[in-house]
PDB file of all heavy atoms in Angstrom:
ATOM      1  N   GLN A   1       0.823  -1.128   0.009  1.00  0.00           N
ATOM      2  CA  GLN A   1      -0.021  -0.003   0.062  1.00  0.00           C
ATOM      3  C   GLN A   1       0.824   1.279  -0.029  1.00  0.00           C
ATOM      4  O   GLN A   1       0.578   2.194  -0.803  1.00  0.00           O
ATOM      5  CB  GLN A   1      -0.992  -0.023   1.236  1.00  0.00           C
ATOM      6  CG  GLN A   1      -1.748   1.269   1.370  1.00  0.00           C
ATOM      7  CD  GLN A   1      -2.670   1.186   2.573  1.00  0.00           C
ATOM      8  OE1 GLN A   1      -2.795   0.258   3.285  1.00  0.00           O
ATOM      9  NE2 GLN A   1      -3.280   2.257   2.760  1.00  0.00           N
ATOM     10  N   GLN A   2       1.903   1.211   0.748  1.00  0.00           N
ATOM     11  CA  GLN A   2       2.866   2.421   0.919  1.00  0.00           C
ATOM     12  C   GLN A   2       3.470   2.606  -0.423  1.00  0.00           C
ATOM     13  O   GLN A   2       3.644   3.769  -1.091  1.00  0.00           O
ATOM     14  CB  GLN A   2       3.860   2.111   1.949  1.00  0.00           C
ATOM     15  CG  GLN A   2       5.005   3.149   1.943  1.00  0.00           C
ATOM     16  CD  GLN A   2       6.075   2.882   3.023  1.00  0.00           C
ATOM     17  OE1 GLN A   2       5.633   2.902   4.106  1.00  0.00           O
ATOM     18  NE2 GLN A   2       7.247   2.700   2.573  1.00  0.00           N
ATOM     19  N   LEU A   3       3.945   1.434  -1.088  1.00  0.00           N
ATOM     20  CA  LEU A   3       4.478   1.565  -2.506  1.00  0.00           C
ATOM     21  C   LEU A   3       3.548   2.266  -3.443  1.00  0.00           C
ATOM     22  O   LEU A   3       3.965   3.088  -4.257  1.00  0.00           O
ATOM     23  CB  LEU A   3       4.923   0.298  -2.972  1.00  0.00           C
ATOM     24  CG  LEU A   3       5.690   0.151  -4.291  1.00  0.00           C
ATOM     25  CD1 LEU A   3       6.731   1.035  -4.423  1.00  0.00           C
ATOM     26  CD2 LEU A   3       5.952  -1.269  -4.681  1.00  0.00           C
ATOM     27  N   ARG A   4       2.308   1.836  -3.527  1.00  0.00           N
ATOM     28  CA  ARG A   4       1.251   2.326  -4.380  1.00  0.00           C
ATOM     29  C   ARG A   4       1.104   3.871  -4.190  1.00  0.00           C
ATOM     30  O   ARG A   4       1.181   4.657  -5.112  1.00  0.00           O
ATOM     31  CB  ARG A   4      -0.109   1.664  -4.284  1.00  0.00           C
ATOM     32  CG  ARG A   4      -0.165   0.382  -4.952  1.00  0.00           C
ATOM     33  CD  ARG A   4      -1.553  -0.231  -4.937  1.00  0.00           C
ATOM     34  NE  ARG A   4      -2.082  -0.409  -3.569  1.00  0.00           N
ATOM     35  CZ  ARG A   4      -2.052  -1.412  -2.741  1.00  0.00           C
ATOM     36  NH1 ARG A   4      -1.295  -2.425  -3.129  1.00  0.00           N
ATOM     37  NH2 ARG A   4      -2.641  -1.366  -1.523  1.00  0.00           N
ATOM     38  N   GLU A   5       1.013   4.230  -2.905  1.00  0.00           N
ATOM     39  CA  GLU A   5       0.991   5.739  -2.542  1.00  0.00           C
ATOM     40  C   GLU A   5       2.129   6.500  -2.937  1.00  0.00           C
ATOM     41  O   GLU A   5       2.068   7.601  -3.563  1.00  0.00           O
ATOM     42  CB  GLU A   5       0.624   5.932  -1.109  1.00  0.00           C
ATOM     43  CG  GLU A   5      -0.794   5.303  -0.805  1.00  0.00           C
ATOM     44  CD  GLU A   5      -1.129   5.188   0.716  1.00  0.00           C
ATOM     45  OE1 GLU A   5      -0.240   5.653   1.511  1.00  0.00           O
ATOM     46  OE2 GLU A   5      -2.259   4.842   1.080  1.00  0.00           O
ATOM     47  N   LEU A   6       3.385   6.057  -2.750  1.00  0.00           N
ATOM     48  CA  LEU A   6       4.581   6.649  -2.991  1.00  0.00           C
ATOM     49  C   LEU A   6       4.798   6.680  -4.560  1.00  0.00           C
ATOM     50  O   LEU A   6       5.143   7.771  -5.042  1.00  0.00           O
ATOM     51  CB  LEU A   6       5.853   5.868  -2.488  1.00  0.00           C
ATOM     52  CG  LEU A   6       6.039   5.952  -1.051  1.00  0.00           C
ATOM     53  CD1 LEU A   6       7.086   4.965  -0.636  1.00  0.00           C
ATOM     54  CD2 LEU A   6       6.603   7.507  -0.649  1.00  0.00           C
ATOM     55  N   THR A   7       4.266   5.769  -5.430  1.00  0.00           N
ATOM     56  CA  THR A   7       4.414   5.809  -6.795  1.00  0.00           C
ATOM     57  C   THR A   7       3.372   6.941  -7.216  1.00  0.00           C
ATOM     58  O   THR A   7       3.811   7.696  -8.166  1.00  0.00           O
ATOM     59  CB  THR A   7       3.886   4.538  -7.399  1.00  0.00           C
ATOM     60  OG1 THR A   7       4.745   3.460  -6.804  1.00  0.00           O
ATOM     61  CG2 THR A   7       3.841   4.520  -8.948  1.00  0.00           C
ATOM     62  N   ILE A   8       2.267   7.112  -6.647  1.00  0.00           N
ATOM     63  CA  ILE A   8       1.319   8.336  -6.995  1.00  0.00           C
ATOM     64  C   ILE A   8       2.024   9.610  -6.810  1.00  0.00           C
ATOM     65  O   ILE A   8       2.107  10.538  -7.652  1.00  0.00           O
ATOM     66  CB  ILE A   8       0.023   8.051  -6.324  1.00  0.00           C
ATOM     67  CG1 ILE A   8      -0.871   6.934  -6.854  1.00  0.00           C
ATOM     68  CG2 ILE A   8      -0.818   9.350  -6.508  1.00  0.00           C
ATOM     69  CD1 ILE A   8      -1.921   6.505  -6.002  1.00  0.00           C
ATOM     70  N   LEU A   9       2.567   9.743  -5.512  1.00  0.00           N
ATOM     71  CA  LEU A   9       3.271  10.957  -5.137  1.00  0.00           C
ATOM     72  C   LEU A   9       4.420  11.233  -6.051  1.00  0.00           C
ATOM     73  O   LEU A   9       4.714  12.327  -6.477  1.00  0.00           O
ATOM     74  CB  LEU A   9       3.699  10.860  -3.640  1.00  0.00           C
ATOM     75  CG  LEU A   9       2.527  10.995  -2.653  1.00  0.00           C
ATOM     76  CD1 LEU A   9       3.101  10.902  -1.350  1.00  0.00           C
ATOM     77  CD2 LEU A   9       1.781  12.340  -2.780  1.00  0.00           C
ATOM     78  N   ARG A  10       5.228  10.081  -6.362  1.00  0.00           N
ATOM     79  CA  ARG A  10       6.402  10.409  -7.148  1.00  0.00           C
ATOM     80  C   ARG A  10       5.986  10.935  -8.605  1.00  0.00           C
ATOM     81  O   ARG A  10       6.518  11.714  -9.102  1.00  0.00           O
ATOM     82  CB  ARG A  10       7.002   8.995  -7.276  1.00  0.00           C
ATOM     83  CG  ARG A  10       8.311   9.074  -8.030  1.00  0.00           C
ATOM     84  CD  ARG A  10       8.881   7.617  -8.116  1.00  0.00           C
ATOM     85  NE  ARG A  10       7.953   6.732  -8.792  1.00  0.00           N
ATOM     86  CZ  ARG A  10       8.339   5.492  -8.918  1.00  0.00           C
ATOM     87  NH1 ARG A  10       9.497   4.986  -8.577  1.00  0.00           N
ATOM     88  NH2 ARG A  10       7.637   4.654  -9.509  1.00  0.00           N
ATOM     89  N   GLY A  11       4.859  10.295  -9.182  1.00  0.00           N
ATOM     90  CA  GLY A  11       4.327  10.695 -10.390  1.00  0.00           C
ATOM     91  C   GLY A  11       4.023  12.153 -10.436  1.00  0.00           C
ATOM     92  O   GLY A  11       4.291  13.017 -11.354  1.00  0.00           O
ATOM     93  N   ARG A  12       3.355  12.604  -9.354  1.00  0.00           N
ATOM     94  CA  ARG A  12       2.931  13.922  -9.257  1.00  0.00           C
ATOM     95  C   ARG A  12       4.096  14.945  -9.085  1.00  0.00           C
ATOM     96  O   ARG A  12       4.179  16.027  -9.702  1.00  0.00           O
ATOM     97  CB  ARG A  12       2.022  14.165  -8.046  1.00  0.00           C
ATOM     98  CG  ARG A  12       0.650  13.494  -8.266  1.00  0.00           C
ATOM     99  CD  ARG A  12      -0.315  13.731  -7.105  1.00  0.00           C
ATOM    100  NE  ARG A  12      -1.625  13.195  -7.306  1.00  0.00           N
ATOM    101  CZ  ARG A  12      -2.428  12.779  -6.388  1.00  0.00           C
ATOM    102  NH1 ARG A  12      -2.156  13.088  -5.105  1.00  0.00           N
ATOM    103  NH2 ARG A  12      -3.580  12.265  -6.643  1.00  0.00           N
ATOM    104  N   ALA A  13       5.056  14.449  -8.355  1.00  0.00           N
ATOM    105  CA  ALA A  13       6.245  15.303  -8.168  1.00  0.00           C
ATOM    106  C   ALA A  13       7.077  15.592  -9.434  1.00  0.00           C
ATOM    107  O   ALA A  13       7.459  16.733  -9.771  1.00  0.00           O
ATOM    108  CB  ALA A  13       7.159  14.750  -7.108  1.00  0.00           C
ATOM    109  N   TRP A  14       7.205  14.476 -10.159  1.00  0.00           N
ATOM    110  CA  TRP A  14       7.901  14.635 -11.556  1.00  0.00           C
ATOM    111  C   TRP A  14       7.133  15.410 -12.545  1.00  0.00           C
ATOM    112  O   TRP A  14       7.693  16.049 -13.344  1.00  0.00           O
ATOM    113  CB  TRP A  14       8.325  13.208 -11.942  1.00  0.00           C
ATOM    114  CG  TRP A  14       9.588  12.651 -11.448  1.00  0.00           C
ATOM    115  CD1 TRP A  14       9.580  11.487 -10.546  1.00  0.00           C
ATOM    116  CD2 TRP A  14      10.836  13.225 -11.392  1.00  0.00           C
ATOM    117  NE1 TRP A  14      10.878  11.369 -10.166  1.00  0.00           N
ATOM    118  CE2 TRP A  14      11.612  12.387 -10.627  1.00  0.00           C
ATOM    119  CE3 TRP A  14      11.306  14.226 -12.052  1.00  0.00           C
ATOM    120  CZ2 TRP A  14      13.022  12.651 -10.475  1.00  0.00           C
ATOM    121  CZ3 TRP A  14      12.758  14.450 -11.955  1.00  0.00           C
ATOM    122  CH2 TRP A  14      13.488  13.658 -11.052  1.00  0.00           C
ATOM    123  N   HIS A  15       5.835  15.258 -12.375  1.00  0.00           N
ATOM    124  CA  HIS A  15       4.939  16.020 -13.266  1.00  0.00           C
ATOM    125  C   HIS A  15       5.237  17.506 -12.965  1.00  0.00           C
ATOM    126  O   HIS A  15       5.412  18.334 -13.988  1.00  0.00           O
ATOM    127  CB  HIS A  15       3.463  15.613 -13.048  1.00  0.00           C
ATOM    128  CG  HIS A  15       2.479  16.459 -13.760  1.00  0.00           C
ATOM    129  ND1 HIS A  15       2.132  16.266 -15.080  1.00  0.00           N
ATOM    130  CD2 HIS A  15       1.647  17.599 -13.428  1.00  0.00           C
ATOM    131  CE1 HIS A  15       1.324  17.119 -15.555  1.00  0.00           C
ATOM    132  NE2 HIS A  15       0.939  17.986 -14.521  1.00  0.00           N
ATOM    133  N   VAL A  16       5.179  17.816 -11.726  1.00  0.00           N
ATOM    134  CA  VAL A  16       5.322  19.279 -11.366  1.00  0.00           C
ATOM    135  C   VAL A  16       6.789  19.657 -11.796  1.00  0.00           C
ATOM    136  O   VAL A  16       7.012  20.920 -12.315  1.00  0.00           O
ATOM    137  CB  VAL A  16       5.192  19.599  -9.766  1.00  0.00           C
ATOM    138  CG1 VAL A  16       5.772  20.885  -9.388  1.00  0.00           C
ATOM    139  CG2 VAL A  16       3.714  19.383  -9.432  1.00  0.00           C
ATOM    140  N   ALA A  17       7.882  18.796 -11.524  1.00  0.00           N
ATOM    141  CA  ALA A  17       9.198  19.202 -11.855  1.00  0.00           C
ATOM    142  C   ALA A  17       9.457  19.483 -13.358  1.00  0.00           C
ATOM    143  O   ALA A  17      10.241  20.236 -13.759  1.00  0.00           O
ATOM    144  CB  ALA A  17      10.020  18.042 -11.331  1.00  0.00           C
ATOM    145  N   THR A  18       8.639  18.771 -14.289  1.00  0.00           N
ATOM    146  CA  THR A  18       8.780  19.025 -15.631  1.00  0.00           C
ATOM    147  C   THR A  18       7.987  20.112 -16.174  1.00  0.00           C
ATOM    148  O   THR A  18       8.087  20.510 -17.391  1.00  0.00           O
ATOM    149  CB  THR A  18       8.368  17.683 -16.475  1.00  0.00           C
ATOM    150  OG1 THR A  18       7.151  17.275 -16.200  1.00  0.00           O
ATOM    151  CG2 THR A  18       9.316  16.524 -16.000  1.00  0.00           C
ATOM    152  N   ARG A  19       7.172  20.693 -15.242  1.00  0.00           N
ATOM    153  CA  ARG A  19       6.305  21.665 -15.734  1.00  0.00           C
ATOM    154  C   ARG A  19       6.523  23.132 -14.965  1.00  0.00           C
ATOM    155  O   ARG A  19       5.577  23.953 -14.803  1.00  0.00           O
ATOM    156  CB  ARG A  19       4.804  21.313 -15.638  1.00  0.00           C
ATOM    157  CG  ARG A  19       4.546  20.410 -16.846  1.00  0.00           C
ATOM    158  CD  ARG A  19       3.189  19.522 -16.594  1.00  0.00           C
ATOM    159  NE  ARG A  19       2.867  18.703 -17.681  1.00  0.00           N
ATOM    160  CZ  ARG A  19       3.537  17.497 -17.895  1.00  0.00           C
ATOM    161  NH1 ARG A  19       4.554  17.135 -16.984  1.00  0.00           N
ATOM    162  NH2 ARG A  19       3.183  16.797 -18.886  1.00  0.00           N
ATOM    163  N   MET A  20       7.597  23.199 -14.370  1.00  0.00           N
ATOM    164  CA  MET A  20       7.850  24.385 -13.627  1.00  0.00           C
ATOM    165  C   MET A  20       7.917  25.674 -14.382  1.00  0.00           C
ATOM    166  O   MET A  20       8.295  25.582 -15.646  1.00  0.00           O
ATOM    167  CB  MET A  20       9.351  24.272 -12.799  1.00  0.00           C
ATOM    168  CG  MET A  20       9.302  23.117 -11.677  1.00  0.00           C
ATOM    169  SD  MET A  20       8.204  23.426 -10.381  1.00  0.00           S
ATOM    170  CE  MET A  20       8.990  24.966  -9.795  1.00  0.00           C
ATOM    171  N   PRO A  21       7.587  26.729 -13.791  1.00  0.00           N
ATOM    172  CA  PRO A  21       7.614  28.028 -14.610  1.00  0.00           C
ATOM    173  C   PRO A  21       9.015  28.430 -15.043  1.00  0.00           C
ATOM    174  O   PRO A  21       9.873  27.907 -14.452  1.00  0.00           O
ATOM    175  CB  PRO A  21       7.046  28.986 -13.508  1.00  0.00           C
ATOM    176  CG  PRO A  21       6.982  28.418 -12.213  1.00  0.00           C
ATOM    177  CD  PRO A  21       7.245  26.960 -12.471  1.00  0.00           C
ATOM    178  N   SER A  22       8.986  29.185 -15.974  1.00  0.00           N
ATOM    179  CA  SER A  22      10.322  29.585 -16.549  1.00  0.00           C
ATOM    180  C   SER A  22      11.160  30.387 -15.468  1.00  0.00           C
ATOM    181  O   SER A  22      10.469  31.095 -14.530  1.00  0.00           O
ATOM    182  CB  SER A  22      10.125  30.529 -17.767  1.00  0.00           C
ATOM    183  OG  SER A  22      11.328  31.189 -18.104  1.00  0.00           O
ATOM    184  N   ALA A  23      12.420  30.243 -15.508  1.00  0.00           N
ATOM    185  CA  ALA A  23      13.358  31.029 -14.605  1.00  0.00           C
ATOM    186  C   ALA A  23      13.425  32.452 -14.963  1.00  0.00           C
ATOM    187  O   ALA A  23      13.836  33.276 -14.179  1.00  0.00           O
ATOM    188  CB  ALA A  23      14.668  30.377 -14.493  1.00  0.00           C
ATOM    189  N   LEU A  24      12.839  32.797 -16.110  1.00  0.00           N
ATOM    190  CA  LEU A  24      12.835  34.158 -16.416  1.00  0.00           C
ATOM    191  C   LEU A  24      11.581  35.006 -15.998  1.00  0.00           C
ATOM    192  O   LEU A  24      10.453  34.472 -16.276  1.00  0.00           O
ATOM    193  CB  LEU A  24      12.962  34.223 -17.950  1.00  0.00           C
ATOM    194  CG  LEU A  24      14.130  33.719 -18.688  1.00  0.00           C
ATOM    195  CD1 LEU A  24      14.088  33.767 -20.090  1.00  0.00           C
ATOM    196  CD2 LEU A  24      15.396  34.414 -18.092  1.00  0.00           C
ATOM    197  N   PRO A  25      11.785  35.912 -15.156  1.00  0.00           N
ATOM    198  CA  PRO A  25      10.664  36.747 -14.624  1.00  0.00           C
ATOM    199  C   PRO A  25      10.027  37.444 -15.774  1.00  0.00           C
ATOM    200  O   PRO A  25      10.473  37.510 -16.910  1.00  0.00           O
ATOM    201  CB  PRO A  25      11.165  37.713 -13.560  1.00  0.00           C
ATOM    202  CG  PRO A  25      12.580  37.765 -14.094  1.00  0.00           C
ATOM    203  CD  PRO A  25      13.030  36.472 -14.700  1.00  0.00           C
ATOM    204  N   PRO A  26       8.699  37.819 -15.513  1.00  0.00           N
ATOM    205  CA  PRO A  26       7.914  38.901 -16.553  1.00  0.00           C
ATOM    206  C   PRO A  26       9.018  40.003 -17.057  1.00  0.00           C
ATOM    207  O   PRO A  26       9.813  40.474 -16.212  1.00  0.00           O
ATOM    208  CB  PRO A  26       6.844  39.378 -15.772  1.00  0.00           C
ATOM    209  CG  PRO A  26       6.577  38.371 -14.682  1.00  0.00           C
ATOM    210  CD  PRO A  26       7.932  37.769 -14.335  1.00  0.00           C
ATOM    211  N   GLY A  27       8.854  40.342 -18.332  1.00  0.00           N
ATOM    212  CA  GLY A  27       9.815  41.190 -18.833  1.00  0.00           C
ATOM    213  C   GLY A  27       9.883  42.610 -18.185  1.00  0.00           C
ATOM    214  O   GLY A  27      10.940  43.185 -18.317  1.00  0.00           O
ATOM    215  N   GLU A  28       8.845  43.003 -17.585  1.00  0.00           N
ATOM    216  CA  GLU A  28       8.739  44.347 -16.973  1.00  0.00           C
ATOM    217  C   GLU A  28       9.497  44.357 -15.598  1.00  0.00           C
ATOM    218  O   GLU A  28       9.760  45.411 -15.001  1.00  0.00           O
ATOM    219  CB  GLU A  28       7.348  44.920 -16.957  1.00  0.00           C
ATOM    220  CG  GLU A  28       6.393  44.264 -15.981  1.00  0.00           C
ATOM    221  CD  GLU A  28       5.785  43.001 -16.714  1.00  0.00           C
ATOM    222  OE1 GLU A  28       6.070  42.739 -17.852  1.00  0.00           O
ATOM    223  OE2 GLU A  28       4.993  42.375 -15.944  1.00  0.00           O
ATOM    224  N   TRP A  29       9.786  43.231 -15.069  1.00  0.00           N
ATOM    225  CA  TRP A  29      10.375  43.137 -13.709  1.00  0.00           C
ATOM    226  C   TRP A  29      11.856  43.486 -13.932  1.00  0.00           C
ATOM    227  O   TRP A  29      12.564  42.841 -14.639  1.00  0.00           O
ATOM    228  CB  TRP A  29      10.315  41.695 -13.150  1.00  0.00           C
ATOM    229  CG  TRP A  29       8.788  41.426 -12.732  1.00  0.00           C
ATOM    230  CD1 TRP A  29       7.674  41.996 -13.252  1.00  0.00           C
ATOM    231  CD2 TRP A  29       8.382  40.576 -11.810  1.00  0.00           C
ATOM    232  NE1 TRP A  29       6.600  41.461 -12.597  1.00  0.00           N
ATOM    233  CE2 TRP A  29       6.980  40.521 -11.663  1.00  0.00           C
ATOM    234  CE3 TRP A  29       9.027  39.697 -10.918  1.00  0.00           C
ATOM    235  CZ2 TRP A  29       6.281  39.794 -10.932  1.00  0.00           C
ATOM    236  CZ3 TRP A  29       8.347  38.809 -10.115  1.00  0.00           C
ATOM    237  CH2 TRP A  29       7.060  38.824 -10.066  1.00  0.00           C
ATOM    238  N   ARG A  30      12.418  44.358 -13.049  1.00  0.00           N
ATOM    239  CA  ARG A  30      13.784  44.750 -12.983  1.00  0.00           C
ATOM    240  C   ARG A  30      14.239  44.730 -11.632  1.00  0.00           C
ATOM    241  O   ARG A  30      13.513  44.771 -10.734  1.00  0.00           O
ATOM    242  CB  ARG A  30      13.966  46.249 -13.600  1.00  0.00           C
ATOM    243  CG  ARG A  30      13.306  46.312 -15.001  1.00  0.00           C
ATOM    244  CD  ARG A  30      14.358  45.899 -16.036  1.00  0.00           C
ATOM    245  NE  ARG A  30      13.882  46.147 -17.391  1.00  0.00           N
ATOM    246  CZ  ARG A  30      13.416  45.220 -18.231  1.00  0.00           C
ATOM    247  NH1 ARG A  30      13.417  44.015 -17.802  1.00  0.00           N
ATOM    248  NH2 ARG A  30      13.092  45.450 -19.389  1.00  0.00           N
ATOM    249  N   GLY A  31      15.561  44.806 -11.585  1.00  0.00           N
ATOM    250  CA  GLY A  31      16.149  44.996 -10.201  1.00  0.00           C
ATOM    251  C   GLY A  31      15.984  43.861  -9.153  1.00  0.00           C
ATOM    252  O   GLY A  31      16.076  42.638  -9.652  1.00  0.00           O
ATOM    253  N   PRO A  32      15.670  44.313  -7.880  1.00  0.00           N
ATOM    254  CA  PRO A  32      15.532  43.300  -6.881  1.00  0.00           C
ATOM    255  C   PRO A  32      14.333  42.220  -7.160  1.00  0.00           C
ATOM    256  O   PRO A  32      14.442  41.092  -6.780  1.00  0.00           O
ATOM    257  CB  PRO A  32      15.247  44.142  -5.607  1.00  0.00           C
ATOM    258  CG  PRO A  32      15.745  45.372  -5.918  1.00  0.00           C
ATOM    259  CD  PRO A  32      15.680  45.581  -7.400  1.00  0.00           C
ATOM    260  N   ALA A  33      13.316  42.813  -7.838  1.00  0.00           N
ATOM    261  CA  ALA A  33      12.035  41.967  -8.042  1.00  0.00           C
ATOM    262  C   ALA A  33      12.548  40.884  -9.031  1.00  0.00           C
ATOM    263  O   ALA A  33      12.120  39.607  -8.967  1.00  0.00           O
ATOM    264  CB  ALA A  33      10.928  42.665  -8.598  1.00  0.00           C
ATOM    265  N   HIS A  34      13.242  41.208 -10.003  1.00  0.00           N
ATOM    266  CA  HIS A  34      13.693  40.209 -11.158  1.00  0.00           C
ATOM    267  C   HIS A  34      14.652  39.292 -10.379  1.00  0.00           C
ATOM    268  O   HIS A  34      14.501  38.086 -10.675  1.00  0.00           O
ATOM    269  CB  HIS A  34      14.521  41.102 -12.180  1.00  0.00           C
ATOM    270  CG  HIS A  34      15.103  40.162 -13.183  1.00  0.00           C
ATOM    271  ND1 HIS A  34      16.337  39.649 -12.991  1.00  0.00           N
ATOM    272  CD2 HIS A  34      14.632  40.025 -14.369  1.00  0.00           C
ATOM    273  CE1 HIS A  34      16.539  38.903 -14.089  1.00  0.00           C
ATOM    274  NE2 HIS A  34      15.605  39.163 -15.003  1.00  0.00           N
ATOM    275  N   ASP A  35      15.602  39.731  -9.624  1.00  0.00           N
ATOM    276  CA  ASP A  35      16.510  38.835  -8.907  1.00  0.00           C
ATOM    277  C   ASP A  35      15.861  37.889  -7.961  1.00  0.00           C
ATOM    278  O   ASP A  35      16.179  36.666  -7.884  1.00  0.00           O
ATOM    279  CB  ASP A  35      17.672  39.560  -8.137  1.00  0.00           C
ATOM    280  CG  ASP A  35      18.466  40.574  -9.131  1.00  0.00           C
ATOM    281  OD1 ASP A  35      18.559  40.236 -10.251  1.00  0.00           O
ATOM    282  OD2 ASP A  35      19.109  41.503  -8.601  1.00  0.00           O
ATOM    283  N   ALA A  36      14.922  38.508  -7.246  1.00  0.00           N
ATOM    284  CA  ALA A  36      14.125  37.520  -6.233  1.00  0.00           C
ATOM    285  C   ALA A  36      13.416  36.442  -6.854  1.00  0.00           C
ATOM    286  O   ALA A  36      13.380  35.402  -6.496  1.00  0.00           O
ATOM    287  CB  ALA A  36      13.300  38.419  -5.339  1.00  0.00           C
ATOM    288  N   TYR A  37      12.685  36.920  -8.037  1.00  0.00           N
ATOM    289  CA  TYR A  37      11.932  35.901  -8.711  1.00  0.00           C
ATOM    290  C   TYR A  37      12.860  34.762  -9.284  1.00  0.00           C
ATOM    291  O   TYR A  37      12.510  33.652  -9.133  1.00  0.00           O
ATOM    292  CB  TYR A  37      11.212  36.642  -9.944  1.00  0.00           C
ATOM    293  CG  TYR A  37      10.433  35.597 -10.815  1.00  0.00           C
ATOM    294  CD1 TYR A  37       9.148  35.426 -10.484  1.00  0.00           C
ATOM    295  CD2 TYR A  37      11.022  34.875 -11.887  1.00  0.00           C
ATOM    296  CE1 TYR A  37       8.366  34.513 -11.323  1.00  0.00           C
ATOM    297  CE2 TYR A  37      10.250  34.058 -12.759  1.00  0.00           C
ATOM    298  CZ  TYR A  37       8.967  33.874 -12.305  1.00  0.00           C
ATOM    299  OH  TYR A  37       8.247  32.921 -13.044  1.00  0.00           O
ATOM    300  N   THR A  38      14.025  35.089  -9.830  1.00  0.00           N
ATOM    301  CA  THR A  38      14.933  34.148 -10.360  1.00  0.00           C
ATOM    302  C   THR A  38      15.382  33.154  -9.249  1.00  0.00           C
ATOM    303  O   THR A  38      15.439  31.986  -9.459  1.00  0.00           O
ATOM    304  CB  THR A  38      16.055  34.870 -11.140  1.00  0.00           C
ATOM    305  OG1 THR A  38      15.650  35.724 -12.010  1.00  0.00           O
ATOM    306  CG2 THR A  38      17.165  33.787 -11.635  1.00  0.00           C
TER     307      THR A  38
END
C-alpha cells in the first residue's frame, strides 16, 4: 500500500518538476524583483 501511494506521489512530483515556470521573470520586472523571482 505504501508503495502504491509513493508511486502516485512520485508521479505528481515529477509532473510538477517537468512543468515548472520559466526561470525568467516577466519582462517588465527589473532590479530586486527580477533577482528575487529568479
